[in-house]
PDB file of N, CA and C in Angstrom:
ATOM      1  N   MET A   1       4.124  14.133  10.930  1.00  0.00           N
ATOM      2  CA  MET A   1       5.411  13.611  11.341  1.00  0.00           C
ATOM      3  C   MET A   1       6.393  13.804  10.195  1.00  0.00           C
ATOM      4  N   SER A   2       7.634  14.073  10.542  1.00  0.00           N
ATOM      5  CA  SER A   2       8.641  14.355   9.523  1.00  0.00           C
ATOM      6  C   SER A   2       9.109  13.059   8.849  1.00  0.00           C
ATOM      7  N   GLU A   3       9.712  13.224   7.691  1.00  0.00           N
ATOM      8  CA  GLU A   3      10.227  12.063   6.962  1.00  0.00           C
ATOM      9  C   GLU A   3      11.357  11.378   7.723  1.00  0.00           C
ATOM     10  N   SER A   4      12.108  12.137   8.532  1.00  0.00           N
ATOM     11  CA  SER A   4      13.183  11.495   9.303  1.00  0.00           C
ATOM     12  C   SER A   4      12.607  10.566  10.364  1.00  0.00           C
ATOM     13  N   VAL A   5      11.463  10.934  10.933  1.00  0.00           N
ATOM     14  CA  VAL A   5      10.798  10.061  11.904  1.00  0.00           C
ATOM     15  C   VAL A   5      10.289   8.801  11.206  1.00  0.00           C
ATOM     16  N   VAL A   6       9.735   8.974  10.015  1.00  0.00           N
ATOM     17  CA  VAL A   6       9.247   7.825   9.244  1.00  0.00           C
ATOM     18  C   VAL A   6      10.407   6.890   8.925  1.00  0.00           C
ATOM     19  N   LYS A   7      11.542   7.440   8.506  1.00  0.00           N
ATOM     20  CA  LYS A   7      12.695   6.591   8.182  1.00  0.00           C
ATOM     21  C   LYS A   7      13.174   5.833   9.425  1.00  0.00           C
ATOM     22  N   ASP A   8      13.197   6.512  10.564  1.00  0.00           N
ATOM     23  CA  ASP A   8      13.604   5.835  11.803  1.00  0.00           C
ATOM     24  C   ASP A   8      12.668   4.678  12.130  1.00  0.00           C
ATOM     25  N   ARG A   9      11.360   4.881  11.947  1.00  0.00           N
ATOM     26  CA  ARG A   9      10.383   3.808  12.211  1.00  0.00           C
ATOM     27  C   ARG A   9      10.561   2.665  11.210  1.00  0.00           C
ATOM     28  N   LEU A  10      10.781   3.008   9.951  1.00  0.00           N
ATOM     29  CA  LEU A  10      11.016   1.974   8.953  1.00  0.00           C
ATOM     30  C   LEU A  10      12.278   1.171   9.288  1.00  0.00           C
ATOM     31  N   ASP A  11      13.304   1.859   9.749  1.00  0.00           N
ATOM     32  CA  ASP A  11      14.538   1.184  10.140  1.00  0.00           C
ATOM     33  C   ASP A  11      14.252   0.195  11.270  1.00  0.00           C
ATOM     34  N   LEU A  12      13.432   0.596  12.228  1.00  0.00           N
ATOM     35  CA  LEU A  12      13.045  -0.321  13.308  1.00  0.00           C
ATOM     36  C   LEU A  12      12.270  -1.524  12.777  1.00  0.00           C
ATOM     37  N   VAL A  13      11.384  -1.289  11.827  1.00  0.00           N
ATOM     38  CA  VAL A  13      10.610  -2.389  11.238  1.00  0.00           C
ATOM     39  C   VAL A  13      11.546  -3.383  10.562  1.00  0.00           C
ATOM     40  N   PHE A  14      12.498  -2.875   9.784  1.00  0.00           N
ATOM     41  CA  PHE A  14      13.469  -3.761   9.136  1.00  0.00           C
ATOM     42  C   PHE A  14      14.260  -4.535  10.182  1.00  0.00           C
ATOM     43  N   GLY A  15      14.770  -3.837  11.191  1.00  0.00           N
ATOM     44  CA  GLY A  15      15.599  -4.472  12.208  1.00  0.00           C
ATOM     45  C   GLY A  15      14.843  -5.462  13.071  1.00  0.00           C
ATOM     46  N   ASP A  16      13.613  -5.118  13.440  1.00  0.00           N
ATOM     47  CA  ASP A  16      12.812  -5.987  14.314  1.00  0.00           C
ATOM     48  C   ASP A  16      12.249  -7.208  13.594  1.00  0.00           C
ATOM     49  N   ASN A  17      12.310  -7.205  12.275  1.00  0.00           N
ATOM     50  CA  ASN A  17      11.730  -8.297  11.492  1.00  0.00           C
ATOM     51  C   ASN A  17      12.769  -8.926  10.568  1.00  0.00           C
ATOM     52  N   ALA A  18      13.967  -9.104  11.115  1.00  0.00           N
ATOM     53  CA  ALA A  18      15.098  -9.578  10.320  1.00  0.00           C
ATOM     54  C   ALA A  18      14.863 -10.946   9.688  1.00  0.00           C
ATOM     55  N   LYS A  19      14.013 -11.769  10.279  1.00  0.00           N
ATOM     56  CA  LYS A  19      13.769 -13.118   9.755  1.00  0.00           C
ATOM     57  C   LYS A  19      12.463 -13.232   8.976  1.00  0.00           C
ATOM     58  N   ARG A  20      11.800 -12.112   8.751  1.00  0.00           N
ATOM     59  CA  ARG A  20      10.498 -12.134   8.082  1.00  0.00           C
ATOM     60  C   ARG A  20      10.549 -11.410   6.745  1.00  0.00           C
ATOM     61  N   ARG A  21       9.637 -11.786   5.868  1.00  0.00           N
ATOM     62  CA  ARG A  21       9.431 -11.055   4.631  1.00  0.00           C
ATOM     63  C   ARG A  21       8.703  -9.763   4.982  1.00  0.00           C
ATOM     64  N   LEU A  22       9.127  -8.673   4.391  1.00  0.00           N
ATOM     65  CA  LEU A  22       8.466  -7.395   4.626  1.00  0.00           C
ATOM     66  C   LEU A  22       7.634  -7.008   3.417  1.00  0.00           C
ATOM     67  N   ILE A  23       6.453  -6.494   3.682  1.00  0.00           N
ATOM     68  CA  ILE A  23       5.589  -5.932   2.649  1.00  0.00           C
ATOM     69  C   ILE A  23       5.239  -4.528   3.102  1.00  0.00           C
ATOM     70  N   ILE A  24       5.642  -3.546   2.320  1.00  0.00           N
ATOM     71  CA  ILE A  24       5.415  -2.148   2.665  1.00  0.00           C
ATOM     72  C   ILE A  24       4.511  -1.524   1.611  1.00  0.00           C
ATOM     73  N   ALA A  25       3.425  -0.929   2.062  1.00  0.00           N
ATOM     74  CA  ALA A  25       2.508  -0.231   1.162  1.00  0.00           C
ATOM     75  C   ALA A  25       2.755   1.271   1.279  1.00  0.00           C
ATOM     76  N   THR A  26       2.862   1.921   0.145  1.00  0.00           N
ATOM     77  CA  THR A  26       3.076   3.367   0.114  1.00  0.00           C
ATOM     78  C   THR A  26       2.569   3.909  -1.210  1.00  0.00           C
ATOM     79  N   PHE A  27       2.396   5.213  -1.255  1.00  0.00           N
ATOM     80  CA  PHE A  27       2.032   5.843  -2.522  1.00  0.00           C
ATOM     81  C   PHE A  27       3.228   5.805  -3.456  1.00  0.00           C
ATOM     82  N   ALA A  28       3.021   5.371  -4.667  1.00  0.00           N
ATOM     83  CA  ALA A  28       4.111   5.297  -5.638  1.00  0.00           C
ATOM     84  C   ALA A  28       4.690   6.680  -5.918  1.00  0.00           C
ATOM     85  N   SER A  29       3.885   7.707  -5.813  1.00  0.00           N
ATOM     86  CA  SER A  29       4.343   9.063  -6.115  1.00  0.00           C
ATOM     87  C   SER A  29       5.259   9.642  -5.039  1.00  0.00           C
ATOM     88  N   ASN A  30       5.367   8.991  -3.883  1.00  0.00           N
ATOM     89  CA  ASN A  30       6.247   9.474  -2.819  1.00  0.00           C
ATOM     90  C   ASN A  30       7.656   8.913  -3.054  1.00  0.00           C
ATOM     91  N   VAL A  31       8.357   9.536  -3.989  1.00  0.00           N
ATOM     92  CA  VAL A  31       9.671   9.049  -4.410  1.00  0.00           C
ATOM     93  C   VAL A  31      10.669   9.097  -3.254  1.00  0.00           C
ATOM     94  N   HIS A  32      10.563  10.097  -2.413  1.00  0.00           N
ATOM     95  CA  HIS A  32      11.457  10.179  -1.257  1.00  0.00           C
ATOM     96  C   HIS A  32      11.280   8.954  -0.345  1.00  0.00           C
ATOM     97  N   ARG A  33      10.042   8.551  -0.108  1.00  0.00           N
ATOM     98  CA  ARG A  33       9.774   7.365   0.718  1.00  0.00           C
ATOM     99  C   ARG A  33      10.324   6.117   0.033  1.00  0.00           C
ATOM    100  N   LEU A  34      10.162   6.026  -1.277  1.00  0.00           N
ATOM    101  CA  LEU A  34      10.721   4.882  -2.011  1.00  0.00           C
ATOM    102  C   LEU A  34      12.232   4.812  -1.823  1.00  0.00           C
ATOM    103  N   GLN A  35      12.899   5.972  -1.873  1.00  0.00           N
ATOM    104  CA  GLN A  35      14.347   5.972  -1.686  1.00  0.00           C
ATOM    105  C   GLN A  35      14.722   5.507  -0.285  1.00  0.00           C
ATOM    106  N   GLN A  36      13.953   5.926   0.712  1.00  0.00           N
ATOM    107  CA  GLN A  36      14.214   5.468   2.075  1.00  0.00           C
ATOM    108  C   GLN A  36      14.127   3.942   2.160  1.00  0.00           C
ATOM    109  N   ILE A  37      13.111   3.383   1.544  1.00  0.00           N
ATOM    110  CA  ILE A  37      12.923   1.930   1.570  1.00  0.00           C
ATOM    111  C   ILE A  37      14.061   1.224   0.840  1.00  0.00           C
ATOM    112  N   LEU A  38      14.445   1.749  -0.314  1.00  0.00           N
ATOM    113  CA  LEU A  38      15.548   1.150  -1.068  1.00  0.00           C
ATOM    114  C   LEU A  38      16.846   1.209  -0.270  1.00  0.00           C
ATOM    115  N   ASP A  39      17.108   2.342   0.371  1.00  0.00           N
ATOM    116  CA  ASP A  39      18.322   2.472   1.186  1.00  0.00           C
ATOM    117  C   ASP A  39      18.338   1.462   2.331  1.00  0.00           C
ATOM    118  N   LEU A  40      17.183   1.277   2.964  1.00  0.00           N
ATOM    119  CA  LEU A  40      17.105   0.307   4.058  1.00  0.00           C
ATOM    120  C   LEU A  40      17.238  -1.129   3.544  1.00  0.00           C
ATOM    121  N   ALA A  41      16.707  -1.391   2.368  1.00  0.00           N
ATOM    122  CA  ALA A  41      16.863  -2.725   1.782  1.00  0.00           C
ATOM    123  C   ALA A  41      18.339  -3.029   1.562  1.00  0.00           C
ATOM    124  N   VAL A  42      19.085  -2.049   1.083  1.00  0.00           N
ATOM    125  CA  VAL A  42      20.529  -2.229   0.901  1.00  0.00           C
ATOM    126  C   VAL A  42      21.189  -2.471   2.258  1.00  0.00           C
ATOM    127  N   LYS A  43      20.853  -1.637   3.237  1.00  0.00           N
ATOM    128  CA  LYS A  43      21.438  -1.762   4.580  1.00  0.00           C
ATOM    129  C   LYS A  43      21.201  -3.146   5.175  1.00  0.00           C
ATOM    130  N   TYR A  44      19.999  -3.689   4.966  1.00  0.00           N
ATOM    131  CA  TYR A  44      19.639  -4.982   5.557  1.00  0.00           C
ATOM    132  C   TYR A  44      19.791  -6.145   4.573  1.00  0.00           C
ATOM    133  N   LYS A  45      20.448  -5.877   3.464  1.00  0.00           N
ATOM    134  CA  LYS A  45      20.779  -6.908   2.470  1.00  0.00           C
ATOM    135  C   LYS A  45      19.544  -7.657   1.968  1.00  0.00           C
ATOM    136  N   ARG A  46      18.551  -6.885   1.549  1.00  0.00           N
ATOM    137  CA  ARG A  46      17.322  -7.452   0.993  1.00  0.00           C
ATOM    138  C   ARG A  46      17.161  -7.029  -0.455  1.00  0.00           C
ATOM    139  N   LYS A  47      16.538  -7.886  -1.226  1.00  0.00           N
ATOM    140  CA  LYS A  47      16.129  -7.550  -2.582  1.00  0.00           C
ATOM    141  C   LYS A  47      14.760  -6.882  -2.505  1.00  0.00           C
ATOM    142  N   VAL A  48      14.451  -6.050  -3.485  1.00  0.00           N
ATOM    143  CA  VAL A  48      13.182  -5.331  -3.525  1.00  0.00           C
ATOM    144  C   VAL A  48      12.388  -5.780  -4.745  1.00  0.00           C
ATOM    145  N   ALA A  49      11.117  -6.100  -4.502  1.00  0.00           N
ATOM    146  CA  ALA A  49      10.183  -6.409  -5.591  1.00  0.00           C
ATOM    147  C   ALA A  49       9.054  -5.392  -5.525  1.00  0.00           C
ATOM    148  N   PHE A  50       8.800  -4.722  -6.642  1.00  0.00           N
ATOM    149  CA  PHE A  50       7.704  -3.767  -6.715  1.00  0.00           C
ATOM    150  C   PHE A  50       6.429  -4.486  -7.128  1.00  0.00           C
ATOM    151  N   SER A  51       5.327  -4.109  -6.496  1.00  0.00           N
ATOM    152  CA  SER A  51       4.015  -4.641  -6.848  1.00  0.00           C
ATOM    153  C   SER A  51       3.104  -3.476  -7.191  1.00  0.00           C
ATOM    154  N   GLY A  52       2.553  -3.520  -8.362  1.00  0.00           N
ATOM    155  CA  GLY A  52       1.661  -2.452  -8.817  1.00  0.00           C
ATOM    156  C   GLY A  52       2.252  -1.732 -10.015  1.00  0.00           C
ATOM    157  N   ARG A  53       1.454  -1.568 -11.028  1.00  0.00           N
ATOM    158  CA  ARG A  53       1.912  -0.949 -12.278  1.00  0.00           C
ATOM    159  C   ARG A  53       2.447   0.467 -12.049  1.00  0.00           C
ATOM    160  N   SER A  54       1.736   1.260 -11.251  1.00  0.00           N
ATOM    161  CA  SER A  54       2.198   2.630 -11.027  1.00  0.00           C
ATOM    162  C   SER A  54       3.515   2.657 -10.259  1.00  0.00           C
ATOM    163  N   MET A  55       3.708   1.728  -9.343  1.00  0.00           N
ATOM    164  CA  MET A  55       4.965   1.665  -8.594  1.00  0.00           C
ATOM    165  C   MET A  55       6.130   1.385  -9.538  1.00  0.00           C
ATOM    166  N   ILE A  56       5.959   0.432 -10.404  1.00  0.00           N
ATOM    167  CA  ILE A  56       7.005   0.072 -11.363  1.00  0.00           C
ATOM    168  C   ILE A  56       7.283   1.243 -12.302  1.00  0.00           C
ATOM    169  N   ASN A  57       6.240   1.866 -12.831  1.00  0.00           N
ATOM    170  CA  ASN A  57       6.403   2.971 -13.778  1.00  0.00           C
ATOM    171  C   ASN A  57       7.062   4.183 -13.139  1.00  0.00           C
ATOM    172  N   ILE A  58       6.628   4.550 -11.949  1.00  0.00           N
ATOM    173  CA  ILE A  58       7.192   5.732 -11.290  1.00  0.00           C
ATOM    174  C   ILE A  58       8.633   5.483 -10.866  1.00  0.00           C
ATOM    175  N   ALA A  59       8.916   4.298 -10.325  1.00  0.00           N
ATOM    176  CA  ALA A  59      10.295   3.987  -9.936  1.00  0.00           C
ATOM    177  C   ALA A  59      11.217   4.034 -11.151  1.00  0.00           C
ATOM    178  N   ASP A  60      10.768   3.512 -12.267  1.00  0.00           N
ATOM    179  CA  ASP A  60      11.566   3.531 -13.494  1.00  0.00           C
ATOM    180  C   ASP A  60      11.803   4.970 -13.960  1.00  0.00           C
ATOM    181  N   ALA A  61      10.747   5.762 -14.009  1.00  0.00           N
ATOM    182  CA  ALA A  61      10.872   7.152 -14.462  1.00  0.00           C
ATOM    183  C   ALA A  61      11.758   7.960 -13.517  1.00  0.00           C
ATOM    184  N   ALA A  62      11.553   7.815 -12.215  1.00  0.00           N
ATOM    185  CA  ALA A  62      12.348   8.559 -11.235  1.00  0.00           C
ATOM    186  C   ALA A  62      13.821   8.165 -11.312  1.00  0.00           C
ATOM    187  N   SER A  63      14.079   6.907 -11.571  1.00  0.00           N
ATOM    188  CA  SER A  63      15.454   6.440 -11.714  1.00  0.00           C
ATOM    189  C   SER A  63      16.108   7.036 -12.959  1.00  0.00           C
ATOM    190  N   ARG A  64      15.357   7.060 -14.049  1.00  0.00           N
ATOM    191  CA  ARG A  64      15.902   7.588 -15.311  1.00  0.00           C
ATOM    192  C   ARG A  64      16.270   9.062 -15.215  1.00  0.00           C
ATOM    193  N   ILE A  65      15.538   9.841 -14.425  1.00  0.00           N
ATOM    194  CA  ILE A  65      15.842  11.280 -14.326  1.00  0.00           C
ATOM    195  C   ILE A  65      16.720  11.606 -13.110  1.00  0.00           C
ATOM    196  N   GLY A  66      17.185  10.581 -12.412  1.00  0.00           N
ATOM    197  CA  GLY A  66      18.110  10.788 -11.319  1.00  0.00           C
ATOM    198  C   GLY A  66      17.481  11.139  -9.980  1.00  0.00           C
ATOM    199  N   GLU A  67      16.186  10.991  -9.856  1.00  0.00           N
ATOM    200  CA  GLU A  67      15.499  11.284  -8.597  1.00  0.00           C
ATOM    201  C   GLU A  67      15.436  10.083  -7.662  1.00  0.00           C
ATOM    202  N   LEU A  68      15.778   8.916  -8.177  1.00  0.00           N
ATOM    203  CA  LEU A  68      15.751   7.688  -7.386  1.00  0.00           C
ATOM    204  C   LEU A  68      17.016   6.911  -7.712  1.00  0.00           C
ATOM    205  N   ASN A  69      17.787   6.602  -6.673  1.00  0.00           N
ATOM    206  CA  ASN A  69      19.025   5.855  -6.851  1.00  0.00           C
ATOM    207  C   ASN A  69      18.744   4.387  -6.554  1.00  0.00           C
ATOM    208  N   ILE A  70      18.786   3.566  -7.593  1.00  0.00           N
ATOM    209  CA  ILE A  70      18.536   2.135  -7.449  1.00  0.00           C
ATOM    210  C   ILE A  70      19.815   1.388  -7.807  1.00  0.00           C
ATOM    211  N   PRO A  71      20.504   0.842  -6.808  1.00  0.00           N
ATOM    212  CA  PRO A  71      21.723   0.087  -7.108  1.00  0.00           C
ATOM    213  C   PRO A  71      21.442  -1.119  -8.012  1.00  0.00           C
ATOM    214  N   ASN A  72      22.416  -1.433  -8.850  1.00  0.00           N
ATOM    215  CA  ASN A  72      22.290  -2.595  -9.734  1.00  0.00           C
ATOM    216  C   ASN A  72      22.040  -3.854  -8.924  1.00  0.00           C
ATOM    217  N   GLY A  73      21.094  -4.660  -9.380  1.00  0.00           N
ATOM    218  CA  GLY A  73      20.814  -5.940  -8.759  1.00  0.00           C
ATOM    219  C   GLY A  73      19.880  -5.877  -7.559  1.00  0.00           C
ATOM    220  N   LEU A  74      19.459  -4.679  -7.159  1.00  0.00           N
ATOM    221  CA  LEU A  74      18.587  -4.550  -5.988  1.00  0.00           C
ATOM    222  C   LEU A  74      17.154  -4.977  -6.294  1.00  0.00           C
ATOM    223  N   ILE A  75      16.663  -4.603  -7.462  1.00  0.00           N
ATOM    224  CA  ILE A  75      15.268  -4.860  -7.826  1.00  0.00           C
ATOM    225  C   ILE A  75      15.152  -6.214  -8.519  1.00  0.00           C
ATOM    226  N   ILE A  76      14.165  -6.983  -8.085  1.00  0.00           N
ATOM    227  CA  ILE A  76      13.864  -8.250  -8.758  1.00  0.00           C
ATOM    228  C   ILE A  76      12.399  -8.243  -9.164  1.00  0.00           C
ATOM    229  N   ASP A  77      12.062  -9.046 -10.142  1.00  0.00           N
ATOM    230  CA  ASP A  77      10.663  -9.191 -10.541  1.00  0.00           C
ATOM    231  C   ASP A  77       9.881  -9.872  -9.430  1.00  0.00           C
ATOM    232  N   LEU A  78       8.653  -9.466  -9.259  1.00  0.00           N
ATOM    233  CA  LEU A  78       7.805 -10.024  -8.213  1.00  0.00           C
ATOM    234  C   LEU A  78       7.700 -11.543  -8.338  1.00  0.00           C
ATOM    235  N   GLU A  79       7.714 -12.052  -9.540  1.00  0.00           N
ATOM    236  CA  GLU A  79       7.599 -13.494  -9.755  1.00  0.00           C
ATOM    237  C   GLU A  79       8.810 -14.260  -9.235  1.00  0.00           C
ATOM    238  N   ARG A  80       9.919 -13.579  -9.012  1.00  0.00           N
ATOM    239  CA  ARG A  80      11.154 -14.240  -8.564  1.00  0.00           C
ATOM    240  C   ARG A  80      11.289 -14.324  -7.052  1.00  0.00           C
ATOM    241  N   ILE A  81      10.346 -13.760  -6.292  1.00  0.00           N
ATOM    242  CA  ILE A  81      10.510 -13.767  -4.833  1.00  0.00           C
ATOM    243  C   ILE A  81      10.529 -15.175  -4.261  1.00  0.00           C
ATOM    244  N   LYS A  82       9.926 -16.114  -4.971  1.00  0.00           N
ATOM    245  CA  LYS A  82       9.904 -17.497  -4.485  1.00  0.00           C
ATOM    246  C   LYS A  82      11.304 -18.118  -4.464  1.00  0.00           C
ATOM    247  N   ASN A  83      12.246 -17.486  -5.144  1.00  0.00           N
ATOM    248  CA  ASN A  83      13.620 -17.981  -5.190  1.00  0.00           C
ATOM    249  C   ASN A  83      14.479 -17.476  -4.028  1.00  0.00           C
ATOM    250  N   TYR A  84      13.868 -16.713  -3.126  1.00  0.00           N
ATOM    251  CA  TYR A  84      14.601 -16.113  -2.014  1.00  0.00           C
ATOM    252  C   TYR A  84      13.953 -16.495  -0.696  1.00  0.00           C
ATOM    253  N   LYS A  85      14.747 -16.464   0.357  1.00  0.00           N
ATOM    254  CA  LYS A  85      14.220 -16.662   1.699  1.00  0.00           C
ATOM    255  C   LYS A  85      13.470 -15.402   2.118  1.00  0.00           C
ATOM    256  N   ASP A  86      12.537 -15.548   3.061  1.00  0.00           N
ATOM    257  CA  ASP A  86      11.744 -14.410   3.511  1.00  0.00           C
ATOM    258  C   ASP A  86      12.609 -13.242   3.964  1.00  0.00           C
ATOM    259  N   GLU A  87      13.679 -13.523   4.680  1.00  0.00           N
ATOM    260  CA  GLU A  87      14.515 -12.452   5.223  1.00  0.00           C
ATOM    261  C   GLU A  87      15.344 -11.738   4.160  1.00  0.00           C
ATOM    262  N   GLN A  88      15.254 -12.200   2.922  1.00  0.00           N
ATOM    263  CA  GLN A  88      15.996 -11.569   1.833  1.00  0.00           C
ATOM    264  C   GLN A  88      15.129 -10.671   0.963  1.00  0.00           C
ATOM    265  N   ILE A  89      13.862 -10.516   1.326  1.00  0.00           N
ATOM    266  CA  ILE A  89      12.906  -9.841   0.444  1.00  0.00           C
ATOM    267  C   ILE A  89      12.172  -8.715   1.160  1.00  0.00           C
ATOM    268  N   VAL A  90      11.932  -7.638   0.423  1.00  0.00           N
ATOM    269  CA  VAL A  90      10.961  -6.627   0.808  1.00  0.00           C
ATOM    270  C   VAL A  90      10.118  -6.327  -0.439  1.00  0.00           C
ATOM    271  N   ILE A  91       8.821  -6.408  -0.273  1.00  0.00           N
ATOM    272  CA  ILE A  91       7.889  -6.099  -1.359  1.00  0.00           C
ATOM    273  C   ILE A  91       7.349  -4.701  -1.103  1.00  0.00           C
ATOM    274  N   VAL A  92       7.421  -3.855  -2.115  1.00  0.00           N
ATOM    275  CA  VAL A  92       6.903  -2.501  -2.009  1.00  0.00           C
ATOM    276  C   VAL A  92       5.693  -2.424  -2.928  1.00  0.00           C
ATOM    277  N   SER A  93       4.548  -2.176  -2.315  1.00  0.00           N
ATOM    278  CA  SER A  93       3.285  -2.253  -3.036  1.00  0.00           C
ATOM    279  C   SER A  93       2.553  -0.915  -3.013  1.00  0.00           C
ATOM    280  N   THR A  94       1.782  -0.708  -4.041  1.00  0.00           N
ATOM    281  CA  THR A  94       0.889   0.438  -4.111  1.00  0.00           C
ATOM    282  C   THR A  94      -0.396  -0.019  -4.770  1.00  0.00           C
ATOM    283  N   GLY A  95      -1.353   0.822  -4.751  1.00  0.00           N
ATOM    284  CA  GLY A  95      -2.618   0.529  -5.399  1.00  0.00           C
ATOM    285  C   GLY A  95      -3.573   1.682  -5.174  1.00  0.00           C
ATOM    286  N   THR A  96      -4.563   1.749  -6.003  1.00  0.00           N
ATOM    287  CA  THR A  96      -5.575   2.776  -5.828  1.00  0.00           C
ATOM    288  C   THR A  96      -6.424   2.412  -4.628  1.00  0.00           C
ATOM    289  N   GLN A  97      -6.740   3.367  -3.818  1.00  0.00           N
ATOM    290  CA  GLN A  97      -7.433   3.127  -2.558  1.00  0.00           C
ATOM    291  C   GLN A  97      -8.751   2.385  -2.760  1.00  0.00           C
ATOM    292  N   GLY A  98      -8.727   1.092  -2.457  1.00  0.00           N
ATOM    293  CA  GLY A  98      -9.936   0.291  -2.490  1.00  0.00           C
ATOM    294  C   GLY A  98     -10.426  -0.108  -3.865  1.00  0.00           C
ATOM    295  N   GLU A  99      -9.674   0.212  -4.893  1.00  0.00           N
ATOM    296  CA  GLU A  99     -10.116  -0.095  -6.250  1.00  0.00           C
ATOM    297  C   GLU A  99      -9.906  -1.579  -6.539  1.00  0.00           C
ATOM    298  N   PRO A 100     -10.912  -2.252  -7.078  1.00  0.00           N
ATOM    299  CA  PRO A 100     -10.753  -3.669  -7.418  1.00  0.00           C
ATOM    300  C   PRO A 100      -9.591  -3.850  -8.400  1.00  0.00           C
ATOM    301  N   MET A 101      -8.865  -4.919  -8.241  1.00  0.00           N
ATOM    302  CA  MET A 101      -7.753  -5.301  -9.104  1.00  0.00           C
ATOM    303  C   MET A 101      -6.507  -4.454  -8.892  1.00  0.00           C
ATOM    304  N   SER A 102      -6.473  -3.564  -7.909  1.00  0.00           N
ATOM    305  CA  SER A 102      -5.233  -2.832  -7.641  1.00  0.00           C
ATOM    306  C   SER A 102      -4.282  -3.756  -6.897  1.00  0.00           C
ATOM    307  N   ALA A 103      -3.022  -3.385  -6.858  1.00  0.00           N
ATOM    308  CA  ALA A 103      -2.007  -4.231  -6.224  1.00  0.00           C
ATOM    309  C   ALA A 103      -2.315  -4.449  -4.761  1.00  0.00           C
TER     310      ALA A 103
END
């Protein structure tokens, strides 16, 4: 399936779950998918919290080289999600497939 189909489905997930906290799992290395999620978070006025060391590292590196556009104030630390209502948050998580202690 194409990335445009994935973005359309993600848009439906955001729209259909306007009152719920969203948790999206994806490969951290899929920077294009991360950008889609960030764009939708902006559209639906949600803050984004990254879960997983590789997710944080890749998002930071991709942002520094201009491959990922992260608006100021969009990203919050995972520990701060308790300060927001469910409908204001999307958690983007990654982890090694089935590895103990992964995100």
